[in-house]
Amino acid sequence: MREQSHWESPRGKQLPERQREVENKRGRMTAPTAEERKTCWGARDRYWQCLDESNKDSPECQKLRTVFEGNCPQQWVKYFDKRRDYLRYKEKMQREGFQPQENVTKL
């Protein structure tokens, strides 16, 4: 028995591109192709560069955010957002060191 590809219907017919997009948006996780990964990473990098050079609320960054979200799986967007926060925090800790808060009451 032939193994079913993730882009095939149960009857073995190749799904049209638009239907693939709809299937993916319904929450079915499929592995992105190499080209889709490159597109996602490029969109992420352009968005992060905008954030580094300006502020989050700039219209350009908002537009790049929309492109980033449109080119990457939702789970990847969440991961990359958390990763950026972590990398920025790590950089700050390396630059400034840990500074304990003063006047903190213990419970």
PDB file of N, CA and C in Angstrom:
ATOM      1  N   MET A   1       0.843  -1.187   0.000  1.00  0.00           N
ATOM      2  CA  MET A   1       0.000   0.000   0.000  1.00  0.00           C
ATOM      3  C   MET A   1       0.879   1.238   0.000  1.00  0.00           C
ATOM      4  N   ARG A   2       0.550   2.188  -0.856  1.00  0.00           N
ATOM      5  CA  ARG A   2       1.319   3.408  -1.000  1.00  0.00           C
ATOM      6  C   ARG A   2       1.006   4.349   0.148  1.00  0.00           C
ATOM      7  N   GLU A   3       2.059   4.987   0.693  1.00  0.00           N
ATOM      8  CA  GLU A   3       1.879   5.923   1.800  1.00  0.00           C
ATOM      9  C   GLU A   3       1.285   7.231   1.275  1.00  0.00           C
ATOM     10  N   GLN A   4       0.330   7.772   2.001  1.00  0.00           N
ATOM     11  CA  GLN A   4      -0.344   8.996   1.589  1.00  0.00           C
ATOM     12  C   GLN A   4       0.512  10.216   1.920  1.00  0.00           C
ATOM     13  N   SER A   5       0.708  11.078   0.945  1.00  0.00           N
ATOM     14  CA  SER A   5       1.432  12.339   1.143  1.00  0.00           C
ATOM     15  C   SER A   5       0.549  13.292   1.930  1.00  0.00           C
ATOM     16  N   HIS A   6       1.161  14.257   2.603  1.00  0.00           N
ATOM     17  CA  HIS A   6       0.366  15.208   3.381  1.00  0.00           C
ATOM     18  C   HIS A   6      -0.392  16.186   2.497  1.00  0.00           C
ATOM     19  N   TRP A   7      -0.131  16.190   1.188  1.00  0.00           N
ATOM     20  CA  TRP A   7      -0.867  17.070   0.280  1.00  0.00           C
ATOM     21  C   TRP A   7      -1.891  16.293  -0.554  1.00  0.00           C
ATOM     22  N   GLU A   8      -2.162  15.059  -0.204  1.00  0.00           N
ATOM     23  CA  GLU A   8      -3.113  14.258  -0.957  1.00  0.00           C
ATOM     24  C   GLU A   8      -4.396  14.069  -0.163  1.00  0.00           C
ATOM     25  N   SER A   9      -5.466  13.955  -0.888  1.00  0.00           N
ATOM     26  CA  SER A   9      -6.741  13.642  -0.253  1.00  0.00           C
ATOM     27  C   SER A   9      -6.731  12.162   0.102  1.00  0.00           C
ATOM     28  N   PRO A  10      -7.677  11.716   0.929  1.00  0.00           N
ATOM     29  CA  PRO A  10      -7.740  10.288   1.277  1.00  0.00           C
ATOM     30  C   PRO A  10      -7.905   9.392   0.057  1.00  0.00           C
ATOM     31  N   ARG A  11      -8.439   9.912  -1.035  1.00  0.00           N
ATOM     32  CA  ARG A  11      -8.618   9.108  -2.245  1.00  0.00           C
ATOM     33  C   ARG A  11      -7.373   9.098  -3.118  1.00  0.00           C
ATOM     34  N   GLY A  12      -6.292   9.750  -2.675  1.00  0.00           N
ATOM     35  CA  GLY A  12      -5.047   9.724  -3.426  1.00  0.00           C
ATOM     36  C   GLY A  12      -4.909  10.822  -4.460  1.00  0.00           C
ATOM     37  N   LYS A  13      -5.882  11.713  -4.539  1.00  0.00           N
ATOM     38  CA  LYS A  13      -5.795  12.808  -5.508  1.00  0.00           C
ATOM     39  C   LYS A  13      -4.966  13.950  -4.915  1.00  0.00           C
ATOM     40  N   GLN A  14      -4.174  14.584  -5.761  1.00  0.00           N
ATOM     41  CA  GLN A  14      -3.376  15.727  -5.332  1.00  0.00           C
ATOM     42  C   GLN A  14      -4.321  16.905  -5.049  1.00  0.00           C
ATOM     43  N   LEU A  15      -4.147  17.535  -3.900  1.00  0.00           N
ATOM     44  CA  LEU A  15      -4.995  18.666  -3.546  1.00  0.00           C
ATOM     45  C   LEU A  15      -4.518  19.931  -4.261  1.00  0.00           C
ATOM     46  N   PRO A  16      -5.444  20.767  -4.735  1.00  0.00           N
ATOM     47  CA  PRO A  16      -5.035  22.035  -5.339  1.00  0.00           C
ATOM     48  C   PRO A  16      -4.387  22.942  -4.285  1.00  0.00           C
ATOM     49  N   GLU A  17      -3.527  23.848  -4.731  1.00  0.00           N
ATOM     50  CA  GLU A  17      -2.771  24.736  -3.830  1.00  0.00           C
ATOM     51  C   GLU A  17      -3.695  25.469  -2.861  1.00  0.00           C
ATOM     52  N   ARG A  18      -4.778  26.025  -3.336  1.00  0.00           N
ATOM     53  CA  ARG A  18      -5.690  26.784  -2.470  1.00  0.00           C
ATOM     54  C   ARG A  18      -6.266  25.898  -1.380  1.00  0.00           C
ATOM     55  N   GLN A  19      -6.610  24.658  -1.710  1.00  0.00           N
ATOM     56  CA  GLN A  19      -7.167  23.747  -0.714  1.00  0.00           C
ATOM     57  C   GLN A  19      -6.105  23.377   0.318  1.00  0.00           C
ATOM     58  N   ARG A  20      -4.837  23.295  -0.112  1.00  0.00           N
ATOM     59  CA  ARG A  20      -3.757  23.031   0.836  1.00  0.00           C
ATOM     60  C   ARG A  20      -3.708  24.133   1.890  1.00  0.00           C
ATOM     61  N   GLU A  21      -3.833  25.380   1.417  1.00  0.00           N
ATOM     62  CA  GLU A  21      -3.807  26.509   2.341  1.00  0.00           C
ATOM     63  C   GLU A  21      -4.974  26.438   3.317  1.00  0.00           C
ATOM     64  N   VAL A  22      -6.148  26.094   2.814  1.00  0.00           N
ATOM     65  CA  VAL A  22      -7.328  25.985   3.669  1.00  0.00           C
ATOM     66  C   VAL A  22      -7.126  24.868   4.688  1.00  0.00           C
ATOM     67  N   GLU A  23      -6.614  23.726   4.235  1.00  0.00           N
ATOM     68  CA  GLU A  23      -6.380  22.604   5.150  1.00  0.00           C
ATOM     69  C   GLU A  23      -5.411  23.014   6.258  1.00  0.00           C
ATOM     70  N   ASN A  24      -4.352  23.722   5.896  1.00  0.00           N
ATOM     71  CA  ASN A  24      -3.381  24.159   6.899  1.00  0.00           C
ATOM     72  C   ASN A  24      -3.992  25.141   7.880  1.00  0.00           C
ATOM     73  N   LYS A  25      -4.862  26.033   7.406  1.00  0.00           N
ATOM     74  CA  LYS A  25      -5.477  27.023   8.286  1.00  0.00           C
ATOM     75  C   LYS A  25      -6.490  26.395   9.234  1.00  0.00           C
ATOM     76  N   ARG A  26      -6.944  25.201   8.917  1.00  0.00           N
ATOM     77  CA  ARG A  26      -7.863  24.493   9.810  1.00  0.00           C
ATOM     78  C   ARG A  26      -7.121  23.872  10.989  1.00  0.00           C
ATOM     79  N   GLY A  27      -5.805  24.017  11.001  1.00  0.00           N
ATOM     80  CA  GLY A  27      -5.057  23.523  12.136  1.00  0.00           C
ATOM     81  C   GLY A  27      -4.332  22.216  11.908  1.00  0.00           C
ATOM     82  N   ARG A  28      -4.391  21.689  10.724  1.00  0.00           N
ATOM     83  CA  ARG A  28      -3.656  20.456  10.448  1.00  0.00           C
ATOM     84  C   ARG A  28      -2.200  20.815  10.213  1.00  0.00           C
ATOM     85  N   MET A  29      -1.334  20.274  11.030  1.00  0.00           N
ATOM     86  CA  MET A  29       0.080  20.609  10.956  1.00  0.00           C
ATOM     87  C   MET A  29       0.752  19.777   9.872  1.00  0.00           C
ATOM     88  N   THR A  30       1.371  20.449   8.922  1.00  0.00           N
ATOM     89  CA  THR A  30       2.173  19.780   7.919  1.00  0.00           C
ATOM     90  C   THR A  30       3.545  20.421   7.922  1.00  0.00           C
ATOM     91  N   ALA A  31       4.543  19.683   7.563  1.00  0.00           N
ATOM     92  CA  ALA A  31       5.904  20.207   7.549  1.00  0.00           C
ATOM     93  C   ALA A  31       6.066  21.165   6.372  1.00  0.00           C
ATOM     94  N   PRO A  32       6.548  22.385   6.645  1.00  0.00           N
ATOM     95  CA  PRO A  32       6.774  23.334   5.550  1.00  0.00           C
ATOM     96  C   PRO A  32       7.920  22.853   4.652  1.00  0.00           C
ATOM     97  N   THR A  33       7.833  23.211   3.389  1.00  0.00           N
ATOM     98  CA  THR A  33       8.907  22.880   2.455  1.00  0.00           C
ATOM     99  C   THR A  33      10.109  23.775   2.739  1.00  0.00           C
ATOM    100  N   ALA A  34      11.236  23.457   2.134  1.00  0.00           N
ATOM    101  CA  ALA A  34      12.445  24.271   2.315  1.00  0.00           C
ATOM    102  C   ALA A  34      12.185  25.707   1.876  1.00  0.00           C
ATOM    103  N   GLU A  35      11.472  25.875   0.778  1.00  0.00           N
ATOM    104  CA  GLU A  35      11.170  27.221   0.272  1.00  0.00           C
ATOM    105  C   GLU A  35      10.251  27.971   1.237  1.00  0.00           C
ATOM    106  N   GLU A  36       9.269  27.284   1.801  1.00  0.00           N
ATOM    107  CA  GLU A  36       8.371  27.922   2.770  1.00  0.00           C
ATOM    108  C   GLU A  36       9.123  28.326   4.033  1.00  0.00           C
ATOM    109  N   ARG A  37      10.072  27.499   4.463  1.00  0.00           N
ATOM    110  CA  ARG A  37      10.884  27.849   5.638  1.00  0.00           C
ATOM    111  C   ARG A  37      11.722  29.081   5.362  1.00  0.00           C
ATOM    112  N   LYS A  38      12.366  29.129   4.193  1.00  0.00           N
ATOM    113  CA  LYS A  38      13.182  30.300   3.837  1.00  0.00           C
ATOM    114  C   LYS A  38      12.337  31.564   3.793  1.00  0.00           C
ATOM    115  N   THR A  39      11.143  31.456   3.244  1.00  0.00           N
ATOM    116  CA  THR A  39      10.238  32.603   3.172  1.00  0.00           C
ATOM    117  C   THR A  39       9.854  33.064   4.571  1.00  0.00           C
ATOM    118  N   CYS A  40       9.549  32.119   5.448  1.00  0.00           N
ATOM    119  CA  CYS A  40       9.193  32.434   6.831  1.00  0.00           C
ATOM    120  C   CYS A  40      10.348  33.129   7.541  1.00  0.00           C
ATOM    121  N   TRP A  41      11.538  32.541   7.456  1.00  0.00           N
ATOM    122  CA  TRP A  41      12.699  33.108   8.148  1.00  0.00           C
ATOM    123  C   TRP A  41      13.042  34.493   7.618  1.00  0.00           C
ATOM    124  N   GLY A  42      12.889  34.686   6.311  1.00  0.00           N
ATOM    125  CA  GLY A  42      13.149  36.007   5.728  1.00  0.00           C
ATOM    126  C   GLY A  42      12.168  37.046   6.248  1.00  0.00           C
ATOM    127  N   ALA A  43      10.888  36.669   6.331  1.00  0.00           N
ATOM    128  CA  ALA A  43       9.867  37.576   6.858  1.00  0.00           C
ATOM    129  C   ALA A  43      10.145  37.894   8.322  1.00  0.00           C
ATOM    130  N   ARG A  44      10.548  36.890   9.096  1.00  0.00           N
ATOM    131  CA  ARG A  44      10.898  37.101  10.505  1.00  0.00           C
ATOM    132  C   ARG A  44      12.076  38.060  10.632  1.00  0.00           C
ATOM    133  N   ASP A  45      13.112  37.833   9.830  1.00  0.00           N
ATOM    134  CA  ASP A  45      14.308  38.670   9.914  1.00  0.00           C
ATOM    135  C   ASP A  45      14.019  40.125   9.552  1.00  0.00           C
ATOM    136  N   ARG A  46      13.199  40.341   8.514  1.00  0.00           N
ATOM    137  CA  ARG A  46      12.844  41.722   8.132  1.00  0.00           C
ATOM    138  C   ARG A  46      12.026  42.399   9.235  1.00  0.00           C
ATOM    139  N   TYR A  47      11.119  41.642   9.856  1.00  0.00           N
ATOM    140  CA  TYR A  47      10.312  42.188  10.951  1.00  0.00           C
ATOM    141  C   TYR A  47      11.192  42.533  12.146  1.00  0.00           C
ATOM    142  N   TRP A  48      12.078  41.617  12.537  1.00  0.00           N
ATOM    143  CA  TRP A  48      12.965  41.871  13.673  1.00  0.00           C
ATOM    144  C   TRP A  48      13.882  43.054  13.403  1.00  0.00           C
ATOM    145  N   GLN A  49      14.367  43.181  12.171  1.00  0.00           N
ATOM    146  CA  GLN A  49      15.231  44.310  11.826  1.00  0.00           C
ATOM    147  C   GLN A  49      14.471  45.631  11.975  1.00  0.00           C
ATOM    148  N   CYS A  50      13.217  45.640  11.546  1.00  0.00           N
ATOM    149  CA  CYS A  50      12.387  46.833  11.703  1.00  0.00           C
ATOM    150  C   CYS A  50      12.234  47.172  13.183  1.00  0.00           C
ATOM    151  N   LEU A  51      11.984  46.169  14.012  1.00  0.00           N
ATOM    152  CA  LEU A  51      11.830  46.408  15.451  1.00  0.00           C
ATOM    153  C   LEU A  51      13.121  46.958  16.051  1.00  0.00           C
ATOM    154  N   ASP A  52      14.263  46.476  15.581  1.00  0.00           N
ATOM    155  CA  ASP A  52      15.548  46.946  16.095  1.00  0.00           C
ATOM    156  C   ASP A  52      15.820  48.398  15.685  1.00  0.00           C
ATOM    157  N   GLU A  53      15.346  48.780  14.509  1.00  0.00           N
ATOM    158  CA  GLU A  53      15.643  50.109  13.976  1.00  0.00           C
ATOM    159  C   GLU A  53      14.595  51.157  14.324  1.00  0.00           C
ATOM    160  N   SER A  54      13.397  50.739  14.651  1.00  0.00           N
ATOM    161  CA  SER A  54      12.340  51.699  14.991  1.00  0.00           C
ATOM    162  C   SER A  54      11.550  51.160  16.166  1.00  0.00           C
ATOM    163  N   ASN A  55      10.262  51.488  16.242  1.00  0.00           N
ATOM    164  CA  ASN A  55       9.467  50.952  17.350  1.00  0.00           C
ATOM    165  C   ASN A  55       8.361  50.047  16.830  1.00  0.00           C
ATOM    166  N   LYS A  56       7.826  49.280  17.736  1.00  0.00           N
ATOM    167  CA  LYS A  56       6.830  48.254  17.403  1.00  0.00           C
ATOM    168  C   LYS A  56       5.574  48.842  16.757  1.00  0.00           C
ATOM    169  N   ASP A  57       5.238  50.069  17.095  1.00  0.00           N
ATOM    170  CA  ASP A  57       3.998  50.658  16.616  1.00  0.00           C
ATOM    171  C   ASP A  57       4.130  51.366  15.272  1.00  0.00           C
ATOM    172  N   SER A  58       5.326  51.375  14.681  1.00  0.00           N
ATOM    173  CA  SER A  58       5.474  52.043  13.391  1.00  0.00           C
ATOM    174  C   SER A  58       4.653  51.300  12.343  1.00  0.00           C
ATOM    175  N   PRO A  59       4.064  52.030  11.403  1.00  0.00           N
ATOM    176  CA  PRO A  59       3.249  51.381  10.362  1.00  0.00           C
ATOM    177  C   PRO A  59       4.052  50.357   9.556  1.00  0.00           C
ATOM    178  N   GLU A  60       5.322  50.650   9.308  1.00  0.00           N
ATOM    179  CA  GLU A  60       6.157  49.714   8.550  1.00  0.00           C
ATOM    180  C   GLU A  60       6.314  48.395   9.305  1.00  0.00           C
ATOM    181  N   CYS A  61       6.579  48.474  10.617  1.00  0.00           N
ATOM    182  CA  CYS A  61       6.732  47.254  11.415  1.00  0.00           C
ATOM    183  C   CYS A  61       5.418  46.484  11.513  1.00  0.00           C
ATOM    184  N   GLN A  62       4.309  47.182  11.604  1.00  0.00           N
ATOM    185  CA  GLN A  62       3.012  46.504  11.652  1.00  0.00           C
ATOM    186  C   GLN A  62       2.747  45.755  10.349  1.00  0.00           C
ATOM    187  N   LYS A  63       3.120  46.376   9.236  1.00  0.00           N
ATOM    188  CA  LYS A  63       2.943  45.723   7.939  1.00  0.00           C
ATOM    189  C   LYS A  63       3.842  44.484   7.847  1.00  0.00           C
ATOM    190  N   LEU A  64       5.094  44.615   8.301  1.00  0.00           N
ATOM    191  CA  LEU A  64       6.008  43.479   8.280  1.00  0.00           C
ATOM    192  C   LEU A  64       5.545  42.369   9.226  1.00  0.00           C
ATOM    193  N   ARG A  65       4.910  42.740  10.328  1.00  0.00           N
ATOM    194  CA  ARG A  65       4.358  41.739  11.254  1.00  0.00           C
ATOM    195  C   ARG A  65       3.279  40.921  10.559  1.00  0.00           C
ATOM    196  N   THR A  66       2.428  41.592   9.808  1.00  0.00           N
ATOM    197  CA  THR A  66       1.360  40.908   9.077  1.00  0.00           C
ATOM    198  C   THR A  66       1.953  39.935   8.051  1.00  0.00           C
ATOM    199  N   VAL A  67       3.001  40.371   7.358  1.00  0.00           N
ATOM    200  CA  VAL A  67       3.670  39.503   6.385  1.00  0.00           C
ATOM    201  C   VAL A  67       4.297  38.304   7.104  1.00  0.00           C
ATOM    202  N   PHE A  68       4.956  38.565   8.232  1.00  0.00           N
ATOM    203  CA  PHE A  68       5.576  37.513   9.045  1.00  0.00           C
ATOM    204  C   PHE A  68       4.531  36.481   9.456  1.00  0.00           C
ATOM    205  N   GLU A  69       3.401  36.943   9.987  1.00  0.00           N
ATOM    206  CA  GLU A  69       2.345  36.020  10.429  1.00  0.00           C
ATOM    207  C   GLU A  69       1.743  35.252   9.250  1.00  0.00           C
ATOM    208  N   GLY A  70       1.694  35.879   8.084  1.00  0.00           N
ATOM    209  CA  GLY A  70       1.123  35.229   6.913  1.00  0.00           C
ATOM    210  C   GLY A  70       2.032  34.190   6.278  1.00  0.00           C
ATOM    211  N   ASN A  71       3.343  34.303   6.529  1.00  0.00           N
ATOM    212  CA  ASN A  71       4.304  33.396   5.902  1.00  0.00           C
ATOM    213  C   ASN A  71       4.812  32.296   6.823  1.00  0.00           C
ATOM    214  N   CYS A  72       4.406  32.321   8.082  1.00  0.00           N
ATOM    215  CA  CYS A  72       4.903  31.330   9.043  1.00  0.00           C
ATOM    216  C   CYS A  72       3.734  30.623   9.732  1.00  0.00           C
ATOM    217  N   PRO A  73       3.924  29.351  10.064  1.00  0.00           N
ATOM    218  CA  PRO A  73       2.901  28.670  10.859  1.00  0.00           C
ATOM    219  C   PRO A  73       2.708  29.384  12.206  1.00  0.00           C
ATOM    220  N   GLN A  74       1.505  29.380  12.701  1.00  0.00           N
ATOM    221  CA  GLN A  74       1.177  30.088  13.943  1.00  0.00           C
ATOM    222  C   GLN A  74       2.077  29.655  15.102  1.00  0.00           C
ATOM    223  N   GLN A  75       2.361  28.363  15.191  1.00  0.00           N
ATOM    224  CA  GLN A  75       3.223  27.880  16.269  1.00  0.00           C
ATOM    225  C   GLN A  75       4.628  28.460  16.155  1.00  0.00           C
ATOM    226  N   TRP A  76       5.104  28.647  14.940  1.00  0.00           N
ATOM    227  CA  TRP A  76       6.427  29.231  14.731  1.00  0.00           C
ATOM    228  C   TRP A  76       6.439  30.693  15.142  1.00  0.00           C
ATOM    229  N   VAL A  77       5.364  31.412  14.827  1.00  0.00           N
ATOM    230  CA  VAL A  77       5.280  32.833  15.194  1.00  0.00           C
ATOM    231  C   VAL A  77       5.365  32.964  16.711  1.00  0.00           C
ATOM    232  N   LYS A  78       4.616  32.137  17.431  1.00  0.00           N
ATOM    233  CA  LYS A  78       4.678  32.162  18.900  1.00  0.00           C
ATOM    234  C   LYS A  78       6.088  31.860  19.389  1.00  0.00           C
ATOM    235  N   TYR A  79       6.707  30.836  18.809  1.00  0.00           N
ATOM    236  CA  TYR A  79       8.055  30.463  19.205  1.00  0.00           C
ATOM    237  C   TYR A  79       9.039  31.606  18.935  1.00  0.00           C
ATOM    238  N   PHE A  80       8.978  32.180  17.731  1.00  0.00           N
ATOM    239  CA  PHE A  80       9.907  33.254  17.385  1.00  0.00           C
ATOM    240  C   PHE A  80       9.698  34.485  18.268  1.00  0.00           C
ATOM    241  N   ASP A  81       8.454  34.792  18.632  1.00  0.00           N
ATOM    242  CA  ASP A  81       8.193  35.922  19.535  1.00  0.00           C
ATOM    243  C   ASP A  81       8.861  35.685  20.895  1.00  0.00           C
ATOM    244  N   LYS A  82       8.679  34.476  21.423  1.00  0.00           N
ATOM    245  CA  LYS A  82       9.297  34.147  22.716  1.00  0.00           C
ATOM    246  C   LYS A  82      10.815  34.142  22.600  1.00  0.00           C
ATOM    247  N   ARG A  83      11.321  33.632  21.495  1.00  0.00           N
ATOM    248  CA  ARG A  83      12.767  33.579  21.278  1.00  0.00           C
ATOM    249  C   ARG A  83      13.355  34.980  21.235  1.00  0.00           C
ATOM    250  N   ARG A  84      12.700  35.907  20.547  1.00  0.00           N
ATOM    251  CA  ARG A  84      13.195  37.289  20.480  1.00  0.00           C
ATOM    252  C   ARG A  84      13.228  37.899  21.877  1.00  0.00           C
ATOM    253  N   ASP A  85      12.160  37.711  22.647  1.00  0.00           N
ATOM    254  CA  ASP A  85      12.127  38.245  24.016  1.00  0.00           C
ATOM    255  C   ASP A  85      13.280  37.672  24.843  1.00  0.00           C
ATOM    256  N   TYR A  86      13.501  36.368  24.721  1.00  0.00           N
ATOM    257  CA  TYR A  86      14.576  35.717  25.474  1.00  0.00           C
ATOM    258  C   TYR A  86      15.942  36.260  25.050  1.00  0.00           C
ATOM    259  N   LEU A  87      16.173  36.370  23.752  1.00  0.00           N
ATOM    260  CA  LEU A  87      17.470  36.852  23.266  1.00  0.00           C
ATOM    261  C   LEU A  87      17.740  38.294  23.711  1.00  0.00           C
ATOM    262  N   ARG A  88      16.709  39.117  23.705  1.00  0.00           N
ATOM    263  CA  ARG A  88      16.873  40.502  24.164  1.00  0.00           C
ATOM    264  C   ARG A  88      17.161  40.544  25.659  1.00  0.00           C
ATOM    265  N   TYR A  89      16.470  39.709  26.440  1.00  0.00           N
ATOM    266  CA  TYR A  89      16.703  39.633  27.887  1.00  0.00           C
ATOM    267  C   TYR A  89      18.123  39.141  28.165  1.00  0.00           C
ATOM    268  N   LYS A  90      18.541  38.098  27.463  1.00  0.00           N
ATOM    269  CA  LYS A  90      19.873  37.537  27.643  1.00  0.00           C
ATOM    270  C   LYS A  90      20.948  38.586  27.324  1.00  0.00           C
ATOM    271  N   GLU A  91      20.745  39.312  26.240  1.00  0.00           N
ATOM    272  CA  GLU A  91      21.690  40.367  25.853  1.00  0.00           C
ATOM    273  C   GLU A  91      21.785  41.443  26.932  1.00  0.00           C
ATOM    274  N   LYS A  92      20.639  41.818  27.482  1.00  0.00           N
ATOM    275  CA  LYS A  92      20.614  42.827  28.545  1.00  0.00           C
ATOM    276  C   LYS A  92      21.346  42.319  29.782  1.00  0.00           C
ATOM    277  N   MET A  93      21.130  41.058  30.150  1.00  0.00           N
ATOM    278  CA  MET A  93      21.800  40.497  31.319  1.00  0.00           C
ATOM    279  C   MET A  93      23.315  40.443  31.118  1.00  0.00           C
ATOM    280  N   GLN A  94      23.741  40.110  29.918  1.00  0.00           N
ATOM    281  CA  GLN A  94      25.169  40.058  29.633  1.00  0.00           C
ATOM    282  C   GLN A  94      25.792  41.453  29.639  1.00  0.00           C
ATOM    283  N   ARG A  95      25.038  42.425  29.192  1.00  0.00           N
ATOM    284  CA  ARG A  95      25.526  43.803  29.110  1.00  0.00           C
ATOM    285  C   ARG A  95      25.529  44.475  30.478  1.00  0.00           C
ATOM    286  N   GLU A  96      24.433  44.324  31.215  1.00  0.00           N
ATOM    287  CA  GLU A  96      24.262  45.061  32.468  1.00  0.00           C
ATOM    288  C   GLU A  96      24.478  44.211  33.716  1.00  0.00           C
ATOM    289  N   GLY A  97      24.377  42.925  33.577  1.00  0.00           N
ATOM    290  CA  GLY A  97      24.466  42.047  34.733  1.00  0.00           C
ATOM    291  C   GLY A  97      23.146  42.016  35.486  1.00  0.00           C
ATOM    292  N   PHE A  98      23.040  41.109  36.409  1.00  0.00           N
ATOM    293  CA  PHE A  98      21.814  40.974  37.197  1.00  0.00           C
ATOM    294  C   PHE A  98      21.781  42.040  38.279  1.00  0.00           C
ATOM    295  N   GLN A  99      20.674  42.741  38.364  1.00  0.00           N
ATOM    296  CA  GLN A  99      20.479  43.770  39.388  1.00  0.00           C
ATOM    297  C   GLN A  99      19.272  43.386  40.243  1.00  0.00           C
ATOM    298  N   PRO A 100      19.503  42.929  41.471  1.00  0.00           N
ATOM    299  CA  PRO A 100      18.346  42.560  42.306  1.00  0.00           C
ATOM    300  C   PRO A 100      17.516  43.798  42.638  1.00  0.00           C
ATOM    301  N   GLN A 101      16.219  43.594  42.746  1.00  0.00           N
ATOM    302  CA  GLN A 101      15.325  44.703  43.084  1.00  0.00           C
ATOM    303  C   GLN A 101      15.505  45.069  44.545  1.00  0.00           C
ATOM    304  N   GLU A 102      15.413  46.355  44.815  1.00  0.00           N
ATOM    305  CA  GLU A 102      15.503  46.818  46.203  1.00  0.00           C
ATOM    306  C   GLU A 102      14.115  46.854  46.816  1.00  0.00           C
ATOM    307  N   ASN A 103      14.064  46.723  48.127  1.00  0.00           N
ATOM    308  CA  ASN A 103      12.803  46.825  48.885  1.00  0.00           C
ATOM    309  C   ASN A 103      11.767  45.800  48.452  1.00  0.00           C
ATOM    310  N   VAL A 104      12.193  44.603  48.169  1.00  0.00           N
ATOM    311  CA  VAL A 104      11.265  43.541  47.808  1.00  0.00           C
ATOM    312  C   VAL A 104      10.898  42.796  49.079  1.00  0.00           C
ATOM    313  N   THR A 105       9.604  42.709  49.341  1.00  0.00           N
ATOM    314  CA  THR A 105       9.150  41.978  50.525  1.00  0.00           C
ATOM    315  C   THR A 105       8.923  40.534  50.174  1.00  0.00           C
ATOM    316  N   LYS A 106       9.323  39.650  51.066  1.00  0.00           N
ATOM    317  CA  LYS A 106       9.116  38.223  50.842  1.00  0.00           C
ATOM    318  C   LYS A 106       7.758  37.832  51.381  1.00  0.00           C
ATOM    319  N   LEU A 107       7.151  36.902  50.738  1.00  0.00           N
ATOM    320  CA  LEU A 107       5.814  36.437  51.172  1.00  0.00           C
ATOM    321  C   LEU A 107       5.932  35.487  52.326  1.00  0.00           C
TER     322      LEU A 107
END
